[in-house]
Amino acid sequence: YDKRMLNVLLKPTTCDKTIPFVHRKDCKI
């Protein structure tokens, strides 16, 4: 946080790709 850096991991889910791209807690990783 001092250097304003964040590294996150994203993986595919059971949900189909839709717009808008937001965090979807109903989808299973």
PDB file of all heavy atoms in Angstrom:
ATOM      1  N   TYR A   1       0.808  -1.205   0.000  1.00  0.00           N
ATOM      2  CA  TYR A   1       0.000   0.000   0.000  1.00  0.00           C
ATOM      3  C   TYR A   1       0.847   1.263   0.000  1.00  0.00           C
ATOM      4  O   TYR A   1       0.407   2.298  -0.491  1.00  0.00           O
ATOM      5  CB  TYR A   1      -0.995  -0.024   1.165  1.00  0.00           C
ATOM      6  CG  TYR A   1      -2.019  -1.108   0.978  1.00  0.00           C
ATOM      7  CD1 TYR A   1      -1.954  -2.296   1.702  1.00  0.00           C
ATOM      8  CD2 TYR A   1      -3.032  -0.987   0.030  1.00  0.00           C
ATOM      9  CE1 TYR A   1      -2.882  -3.309   1.499  1.00  0.00           C
ATOM     10  CE2 TYR A   1      -3.957  -1.994  -0.181  1.00  0.00           C
ATOM     11  CZ  TYR A   1      -3.880  -3.142   0.555  1.00  0.00           C
ATOM     12  OH  TYR A   1      -4.789  -4.144   0.350  1.00  0.00           O
ATOM     13  N   ASP A   2       2.095   1.204   0.501  1.00  0.00           N
ATOM     14  CA  ASP A   2       2.983   2.357   0.445  1.00  0.00           C
ATOM     15  C   ASP A   2       3.332   2.701  -0.996  1.00  0.00           C
ATOM     16  O   ASP A   2       3.478   3.862  -1.347  1.00  0.00           O
ATOM     17  CB  ASP A   2       4.276   2.098   1.235  1.00  0.00           C
ATOM     18  CG  ASP A   2       4.024   2.028   2.731  1.00  0.00           C
ATOM     19  OD1 ASP A   2       3.012   2.608   3.191  1.00  0.00           O
ATOM     20  OD2 ASP A   2       4.817   1.383   3.431  1.00  0.00           O
ATOM     21  N   LYS A   3       3.494   1.689  -1.823  1.00  0.00           N
ATOM     22  CA  LYS A   3       3.833   1.906  -3.233  1.00  0.00           C
ATOM     23  C   LYS A   3       2.595   1.896  -4.126  1.00  0.00           C
ATOM     24  O   LYS A   3       2.707   1.929  -5.344  1.00  0.00           O
ATOM     25  CB  LYS A   3       4.822   0.842  -3.712  1.00  0.00           C
ATOM     26  CG  LYS A   3       6.154   0.936  -2.997  1.00  0.00           C
ATOM     27  CD  LYS A   3       7.213   0.197  -3.749  1.00  0.00           C
ATOM     28  CE  LYS A   3       8.543   0.281  -3.072  1.00  0.00           C
ATOM     29  NZ  LYS A   3       9.151   1.573  -3.104  1.00  0.00           N
ATOM     30  N   ARG A   4       1.411   1.810  -3.513  1.00  0.00           N
ATOM     31  CA  ARG A   4       0.135   1.782  -4.226  1.00  0.00           C
ATOM     32  C   ARG A   4       0.106   0.662  -5.261  1.00  0.00           C
ATOM     33  O   ARG A   4      -0.161   0.875  -6.430  1.00  0.00           O
ATOM     34  CB  ARG A   4      -0.144   3.144  -4.864  1.00  0.00           C
ATOM     35  CG  ARG A   4      -0.375   4.222  -3.839  1.00  0.00           C
ATOM     36  CD  ARG A   4      -0.626   5.590  -4.392  1.00  0.00           C
ATOM     37  NE  ARG A   4      -1.359   5.616  -5.650  1.00  0.00           N
ATOM     38  CZ  ARG A   4      -1.129   6.500  -6.605  1.00  0.00           C
ATOM     39  NH1 ARG A   4      -0.217   7.406  -6.459  1.00  0.00           N
ATOM     40  NH2 ARG A   4      -1.842   6.479  -7.713  1.00  0.00           N
ATOM     41  N   MET A   5       0.412  -0.573  -4.802  1.00  0.00           N
ATOM     42  CA  MET A   5       0.461  -1.742  -5.672  1.00  0.00           C
ATOM     43  C   MET A   5      -0.413  -2.837  -5.088  1.00  0.00           C
ATOM     44  O   MET A   5      -0.401  -3.083  -3.888  1.00  0.00           O
ATOM     45  CB  MET A   5       1.901  -2.229  -5.807  1.00  0.00           C
ATOM     46  CG  MET A   5       2.111  -3.380  -6.795  1.00  0.00           C
ATOM     47  SD  MET A   5       1.808  -5.031  -6.166  1.00  0.00           S
ATOM     48  CE  MET A   5       3.013  -5.200  -4.902  1.00  0.00           C
ATOM     49  N   LEU A   6      -1.192  -3.477  -5.979  1.00  0.00           N
ATOM     50  CA  LEU A   6      -2.033  -4.598  -5.583  1.00  0.00           C
ATOM     51  C   LEU A   6      -2.005  -5.621  -6.704  1.00  0.00           C
ATOM     52  O   LEU A   6      -2.185  -5.285  -7.875  1.00  0.00           O
ATOM     53  CB  LEU A   6      -3.471  -4.126  -5.341  1.00  0.00           C
ATOM     54  CG  LEU A   6      -4.446  -5.153  -4.786  1.00  0.00           C
ATOM     55  CD1 LEU A   6      -4.079  -5.503  -3.337  1.00  0.00           C
ATOM     56  CD2 LEU A   6      -5.865  -4.626  -4.833  1.00  0.00           C
ATOM     57  N   ASN A   7      -1.749  -6.890  -6.357  1.00  0.00           N
ATOM     58  CA  ASN A   7      -1.705  -7.983  -7.326  1.00  0.00           C
ATOM     59  C   ASN A   7      -2.808  -8.964  -6.962  1.00  0.00           C
ATOM     60  O   ASN A   7      -2.804  -9.515  -5.864  1.00  0.00           O
ATOM     61  CB  ASN A   7      -0.324  -8.656  -7.293  1.00  0.00           C
ATOM     62  CG  ASN A   7      -0.195  -9.775  -8.293  1.00  0.00           C
ATOM     63  OD1 ASN A   7      -1.030  -9.947  -9.171  1.00  0.00           O
ATOM     64  ND2 ASN A   7       0.851 -10.553  -8.159  1.00  0.00           N
ATOM     65  N   VAL A   8      -3.778  -9.159  -7.867  1.00  0.00           N
ATOM     66  CA  VAL A   8      -4.913 -10.036  -7.589  1.00  0.00           C
ATOM     67  C   VAL A   8      -4.966 -11.187  -8.595  1.00  0.00           C
ATOM     68  O   VAL A   8      -4.492 -11.075  -9.719  1.00  0.00           O
ATOM     69  CB  VAL A   8      -6.259  -9.272  -7.604  1.00  0.00           C
ATOM     70  CG1 VAL A   8      -6.294  -8.217  -6.530  1.00  0.00           C
ATOM     71  CG2 VAL A   8      -6.543  -8.664  -8.956  1.00  0.00           C
ATOM     72  N   LEU A   9      -5.542 -12.307  -8.146  1.00  0.00           N
ATOM     73  CA  LEU A   9      -5.711 -13.490  -8.978  1.00  0.00           C
ATOM     74  C   LEU A   9      -7.172 -13.611  -9.388  1.00  0.00           C
ATOM     75  O   LEU A   9      -8.066 -13.488  -8.550  1.00  0.00           O
ATOM     76  CB  LEU A   9      -5.290 -14.746  -8.200  1.00  0.00           C
ATOM     77  CG  LEU A   9      -5.525 -16.085  -8.880  1.00  0.00           C
ATOM     78  CD1 LEU A   9      -4.684 -16.212 -10.148  1.00  0.00           C
ATOM     79  CD2 LEU A   9      -5.203 -17.224  -7.922  1.00  0.00           C
ATOM     80  N   LEU A  10      -7.397 -13.839 -10.684  1.00  0.00           N
ATOM     81  CA  LEU A  10      -8.737 -14.054 -11.208  1.00  0.00           C
ATOM     82  C   LEU A  10      -8.770 -15.390 -11.931  1.00  0.00           C
ATOM     83  O   LEU A  10      -7.806 -15.756 -12.605  1.00  0.00           O
ATOM     84  CB  LEU A  10      -9.116 -12.926 -12.176  1.00  0.00           C
ATOM     85  CG  LEU A  10      -9.157 -11.559 -11.510  1.00  0.00           C
ATOM     86  CD1 LEU A  10      -8.053 -10.701 -12.053  1.00  0.00           C
ATOM     87  CD2 LEU A  10     -10.483 -10.906 -11.696  1.00  0.00           C
ATOM     88  N   LYS A  11      -9.890 -16.114 -11.766  1.00  0.00           N
ATOM     89  CA  LYS A  11     -10.055 -17.414 -12.412  1.00  0.00           C
ATOM     90  C   LYS A  11     -11.428 -17.481 -13.065  1.00  0.00           C
ATOM     91  O   LYS A  11     -12.349 -16.754 -12.683  1.00  0.00           O
ATOM     92  CB  LYS A  11      -9.933 -18.542 -11.383  1.00  0.00           C
ATOM     93  CG  LYS A  11      -8.532 -18.706 -10.811  1.00  0.00           C
ATOM     94  CD  LYS A  11      -8.466 -19.901  -9.883  1.00  0.00           C
ATOM     95  CE  LYS A  11      -7.068 -20.095  -9.331  1.00  0.00           C
ATOM     96  NZ  LYS A  11      -7.001 -21.283  -8.459  1.00  0.00           N
ATOM     97  N   PRO A  12     -11.581 -18.399 -14.030  1.00  0.00           N
ATOM     98  CA  PRO A  12     -12.888 -18.576 -14.670  1.00  0.00           C
ATOM     99  C   PRO A  12     -13.921 -19.099 -13.672  1.00  0.00           C
ATOM    100  O   PRO A  12     -13.582 -19.754 -12.689  1.00  0.00           O
ATOM    101  CB  PRO A  12     -12.627 -19.629 -15.747  1.00  0.00           C
ATOM    102  CG  PRO A  12     -11.158 -19.672 -15.926  1.00  0.00           C
ATOM    103  CD  PRO A  12     -10.557 -19.239 -14.626  1.00  0.00           C
ATOM    104  N   THR A  13     -15.166 -18.798 -13.970  1.00  0.00           N
ATOM    105  CA  THR A  13     -16.274 -19.234 -13.114  1.00  0.00           C
ATOM    106  C   THR A  13     -17.237 -20.097 -13.921  1.00  0.00           C
ATOM    107  O   THR A  13     -17.055 -20.298 -15.117  1.00  0.00           O
ATOM    108  CB  THR A  13     -17.046 -18.019 -12.562  1.00  0.00           C
ATOM    109  OG1 THR A  13     -17.663 -17.340 -13.660  1.00  0.00           O
ATOM    110  CG2 THR A  13     -16.139 -17.070 -11.804  1.00  0.00           C
ATOM    111  N   THR A  14     -18.277 -20.562 -13.254  1.00  0.00           N
ATOM    112  CA  THR A  14     -19.320 -21.342 -13.915  1.00  0.00           C
ATOM    113  C   THR A  14     -20.265 -20.456 -14.722  1.00  0.00           C
ATOM    114  O   THR A  14     -21.039 -20.955 -15.533  1.00  0.00           O
ATOM    115  CB  THR A  14     -20.136 -22.131 -12.875  1.00  0.00           C
ATOM    116  OG1 THR A  14     -20.644 -21.206 -11.896  1.00  0.00           O
ATOM    117  CG2 THR A  14     -19.287 -23.186 -12.201  1.00  0.00           C
ATOM    118  N   CYS A  15     -20.198 -19.142 -14.517  1.00  0.00           N
ATOM    119  CA  CYS A  15     -21.094 -18.215 -15.209  1.00  0.00           C
ATOM    120  C   CYS A  15     -20.555 -17.857 -16.591  1.00  0.00           C
ATOM    121  O   CYS A  15     -19.343 -17.750 -16.791  1.00  0.00           O
ATOM    122  CB  CYS A  15     -21.261 -16.929 -14.405  1.00  0.00           C
ATOM    123  SG  CYS A  15     -22.064 -17.169 -12.814  1.00  0.00           S
ATOM    124  N   ASP A  16     -21.464 -17.643 -17.523  1.00  0.00           N
ATOM    125  CA  ASP A  16     -21.080 -17.191 -18.850  1.00  0.00           C
ATOM    126  C   ASP A  16     -20.611 -15.741 -18.787  1.00  0.00           C
ATOM    127  O   ASP A  16     -21.019 -14.980 -17.910  1.00  0.00           O
ATOM    128  CB  ASP A  16     -22.259 -17.306 -19.824  1.00  0.00           C
ATOM    129  CG  ASP A  16     -22.607 -18.760 -20.125  1.00  0.00           C
ATOM    130  OD1 ASP A  16     -21.693 -19.612 -20.073  1.00  0.00           O
ATOM    131  OD2 ASP A  16     -23.790 -19.031 -20.411  1.00  0.00           O
ATOM    132  N   LYS A  17     -19.758 -15.382 -19.722  1.00  0.00           N
ATOM    133  CA  LYS A  17     -19.225 -14.026 -19.802  1.00  0.00           C
ATOM    134  C   LYS A  17     -20.348 -13.076 -20.206  1.00  0.00           C
ATOM    135  O   LYS A  17     -21.013 -13.287 -21.224  1.00  0.00           O
ATOM    136  CB  LYS A  17     -18.104 -14.008 -20.834  1.00  0.00           C
ATOM    137  CG  LYS A  17     -17.404 -12.693 -20.983  1.00  0.00           C
ATOM    138  CD  LYS A  17     -16.247 -12.844 -21.970  1.00  0.00           C
ATOM    139  CE  LYS A  17     -15.691 -11.515 -22.348  1.00  0.00           C
ATOM    140  NZ  LYS A  17     -14.603 -11.648 -23.315  1.00  0.00           N
ATOM    141  N   THR A  18     -20.588 -12.078 -19.389  1.00  0.00           N
ATOM    142  CA  THR A  18     -21.618 -11.076 -19.676  1.00  0.00           C
ATOM    143  C   THR A  18     -21.084  -9.695 -19.330  1.00  0.00           C
ATOM    144  O   THR A  18     -20.098  -9.559 -18.611  1.00  0.00           O
ATOM    145  CB  THR A  18     -22.895 -11.316 -18.849  1.00  0.00           C
ATOM    146  OG1 THR A  18     -22.559 -11.269 -17.463  1.00  0.00           O
ATOM    147  CG2 THR A  18     -23.539 -12.646 -19.173  1.00  0.00           C
ATOM    148  N   ILE A  19     -21.752  -8.694 -19.828  1.00  0.00           N
ATOM    149  CA  ILE A  19     -21.404  -7.313 -19.512  1.00  0.00           C
ATOM    150  C   ILE A  19     -22.483  -6.794 -18.589  1.00  0.00           C
ATOM    151  O   ILE A  19     -23.661  -7.074 -18.814  1.00  0.00           O
ATOM    152  CB  ILE A  19     -21.318  -6.476 -20.804  1.00  0.00           C
ATOM    153  CG1 ILE A  19     -20.178  -7.005 -21.666  1.00  0.00           C
ATOM    154  CG2 ILE A  19     -21.108  -5.008 -20.502  1.00  0.00           C
ATOM    155  CD1 ILE A  19     -20.041  -6.352 -23.017  1.00  0.00           C
ATOM    156  N   PRO A  20     -22.237  -6.030 -17.560  1.00  0.00           N
ATOM    157  CA  PRO A  20     -20.945  -5.456 -17.175  1.00  0.00           C
ATOM    158  C   PRO A  20     -20.074  -6.483 -16.444  1.00  0.00           C
ATOM    159  O   PRO A  20     -20.583  -7.433 -15.854  1.00  0.00           O
ATOM    160  CB  PRO A  20     -21.323  -4.314 -16.244  1.00  0.00           C
ATOM    161  CG  PRO A  20     -22.588  -4.757 -15.599  1.00  0.00           C
ATOM    162  CD  PRO A  20     -23.305  -5.573 -16.664  1.00  0.00           C
ATOM    163  N   PHE A  21     -18.781  -6.249 -16.497  1.00  0.00           N
ATOM    164  CA  PHE A  21     -17.830  -7.116 -15.818  1.00  0.00           C
ATOM    165  C   PHE A  21     -17.676  -6.637 -14.388  1.00  0.00           C
ATOM    166  O   PHE A  21     -17.019  -5.628 -14.134  1.00  0.00           O
ATOM    167  CB  PHE A  21     -16.480  -7.100 -16.529  1.00  0.00           C
ATOM    168  CG  PHE A  21     -16.553  -7.514 -17.972  1.00  0.00           C
ATOM    169  CD1 PHE A  21     -16.116  -6.672 -18.968  1.00  0.00           C
ATOM    170  CD2 PHE A  21     -17.058  -8.749 -18.326  1.00  0.00           C
ATOM    171  CE1 PHE A  21     -16.162  -7.062 -20.290  1.00  0.00           C
ATOM    172  CE2 PHE A  21     -17.122  -9.143 -19.657  1.00  0.00           C
ATOM    173  CZ  PHE A  21     -16.671  -8.292 -20.641  1.00  0.00           C
ATOM    174  N   VAL A  22     -18.293  -7.336 -13.476  1.00  0.00           N
ATOM    175  CA  VAL A  22     -18.226  -6.991 -12.054  1.00  0.00           C
ATOM    176  C   VAL A  22     -18.038  -8.267 -11.246  1.00  0.00           C
ATOM    177  O   VAL A  22     -18.197  -9.368 -11.766  1.00  0.00           O
ATOM    178  CB  VAL A  22     -19.510  -6.263 -11.580  1.00  0.00           C
ATOM    179  CG1 VAL A  22     -19.636  -4.902 -12.223  1.00  0.00           C
ATOM    180  CG2 VAL A  22     -20.744  -7.104 -11.849  1.00  0.00           C
ATOM    181  N   HIS A  23     -17.733  -8.100  -9.979  1.00  0.00           N
ATOM    182  CA  HIS A  23     -17.620  -9.248  -9.074  1.00  0.00           C
ATOM    183  C   HIS A  23     -18.995  -9.883  -8.938  1.00  0.00           C
ATOM    184  O   HIS A  23     -19.976  -9.211  -8.625  1.00  0.00           O
ATOM    185  CB  HIS A  23     -17.092  -8.783  -7.717  1.00  0.00           C
ATOM    186  CG  HIS A  23     -16.987  -9.889  -6.721  1.00  0.00           C
ATOM    187  ND1 HIS A  23     -16.147 -10.961  -6.894  1.00  0.00           N
ATOM    188  CD2 HIS A  23     -17.627 -10.088  -5.550  1.00  0.00           C
ATOM    189  CE1 HIS A  23     -16.268 -11.775  -5.854  1.00  0.00           C
ATOM    190  NE2 HIS A  23     -17.159 -11.268  -5.030  1.00  0.00           N
ATOM    191  N   ARG A  24     -19.071 -11.177  -9.198  1.00  0.00           N
ATOM    192  CA  ARG A  24     -20.349 -11.891  -9.150  1.00  0.00           C
ATOM    193  C   ARG A  24     -20.238 -13.030  -8.146  1.00  0.00           C
ATOM    194  O   ARG A  24     -19.708 -14.081  -8.448  1.00  0.00           O
ATOM    195  CB  ARG A  24     -20.707 -12.417 -10.533  1.00  0.00           C
ATOM    196  CG  ARG A  24     -20.938 -11.287 -11.530  1.00  0.00           C
ATOM    197  CD  ARG A  24     -21.128 -11.778 -12.937  1.00  0.00           C
ATOM    198  NE  ARG A  24     -22.261 -12.688 -13.045  1.00  0.00           N
ATOM    199  CZ  ARG A  24     -22.526 -13.369 -14.154  1.00  0.00           C
ATOM    200  NH1 ARG A  24     -21.773 -13.246 -15.208  1.00  0.00           N
ATOM    201  NH2 ARG A  24     -23.553 -14.184 -14.190  1.00  0.00           N
ATOM    202  N   LYS A  25     -20.762 -12.796  -6.951  1.00  0.00           N
ATOM    203  CA  LYS A  25     -20.647 -13.797  -5.890  1.00  0.00           C
ATOM    204  C   LYS A  25     -21.527 -15.024  -6.126  1.00  0.00           C
ATOM    205  O   LYS A  25     -21.349 -16.036  -5.483  1.00  0.00           O
ATOM    206  CB  LYS A  25     -20.924 -13.175  -4.525  1.00  0.00           C
ATOM    207  CG  LYS A  25     -22.266 -12.526  -4.373  1.00  0.00           C
ATOM    208  CD  LYS A  25     -22.375 -11.855  -3.035  1.00  0.00           C
ATOM    209  CE  LYS A  25     -23.654 -11.038  -2.963  1.00  0.00           C
ATOM    210  NZ  LYS A  25     -23.703 -10.221  -1.806  1.00  0.00           N
ATOM    211  N   ASP A  26     -22.458 -14.952  -7.085  1.00  0.00           N
ATOM    212  CA  ASP A  26     -23.300 -16.101  -7.387  1.00  0.00           C
ATOM    213  C   ASP A  26     -22.595 -17.126  -8.275  1.00  0.00           C
ATOM    214  O   ASP A  26     -23.077 -18.241  -8.456  1.00  0.00           O
ATOM    215  CB  ASP A  26     -24.606 -15.644  -8.060  1.00  0.00           C
ATOM    216  CG  ASP A  26     -24.360 -14.872  -9.348  1.00  0.00           C
ATOM    217  OD1 ASP A  26     -23.500 -13.960  -9.336  1.00  0.00           O
ATOM    218  OD2 ASP A  26     -25.021 -15.159 -10.355  1.00  0.00           O
ATOM    219  N   CYS A  27     -21.423 -16.771  -8.813  1.00  0.00           N
ATOM    220  CA  CYS A  27     -20.668 -17.669  -9.702  1.00  0.00           C
ATOM    221  C   CYS A  27     -19.660 -18.480  -8.905  1.00  0.00           C
ATOM    222  O   CYS A  27     -18.973 -17.948  -8.037  1.00  0.00           O
ATOM    223  CB  CYS A  27     -19.934 -16.861 -10.764  1.00  0.00           C
ATOM    224  SG  CYS A  27     -21.017 -15.856 -11.785  1.00  0.00           S
ATOM    225  N   LYS A  28     -19.544 -19.752  -9.214  1.00  0.00           N
ATOM    226  CA  LYS A  28     -18.567 -20.628  -8.553  1.00  0.00           C
ATOM    227  C   LYS A  28     -17.255 -20.596  -9.328  1.00  0.00           C
ATOM    228  O   LYS A  28     -17.240 -20.695 -10.550  1.00  0.00           O
ATOM    229  CB  LYS A  28     -19.087 -22.069  -8.510  1.00  0.00           C
ATOM    230  CG  LYS A  28     -20.404 -22.220  -7.775  1.00  0.00           C
ATOM    231  CD  LYS A  28     -20.166 -22.554  -6.334  1.00  0.00           C
ATOM    232  CE  LYS A  28     -21.465 -22.902  -5.654  1.00  0.00           C
ATOM    233  NZ  LYS A  28     -21.948 -21.894  -4.771  1.00  0.00           N
ATOM    234  N   ILE A  29     -16.148 -20.474  -8.596  1.00  0.00           N
ATOM    235  CA  ILE A  29     -14.820 -20.457  -9.205  1.00  0.00           C
ATOM    236  C   ILE A  29     -14.469 -21.866  -9.677  1.00  0.00           C
ATOM    237  O   ILE A  29     -14.688 -22.845  -8.970  1.00  0.00           O
ATOM    238  CB  ILE A  29     -13.764 -19.960  -8.192  1.00  0.00           C
ATOM    239  CG1 ILE A  29     -14.072 -18.526  -7.750  1.00  0.00           C
ATOM    240  CG2 ILE A  29     -12.353 -20.082  -8.751  1.00  0.00           C
ATOM    241  CD1 ILE A  29     -13.939 -17.481  -8.826  1.00  0.00           C
TER     242      ILE A  29
END
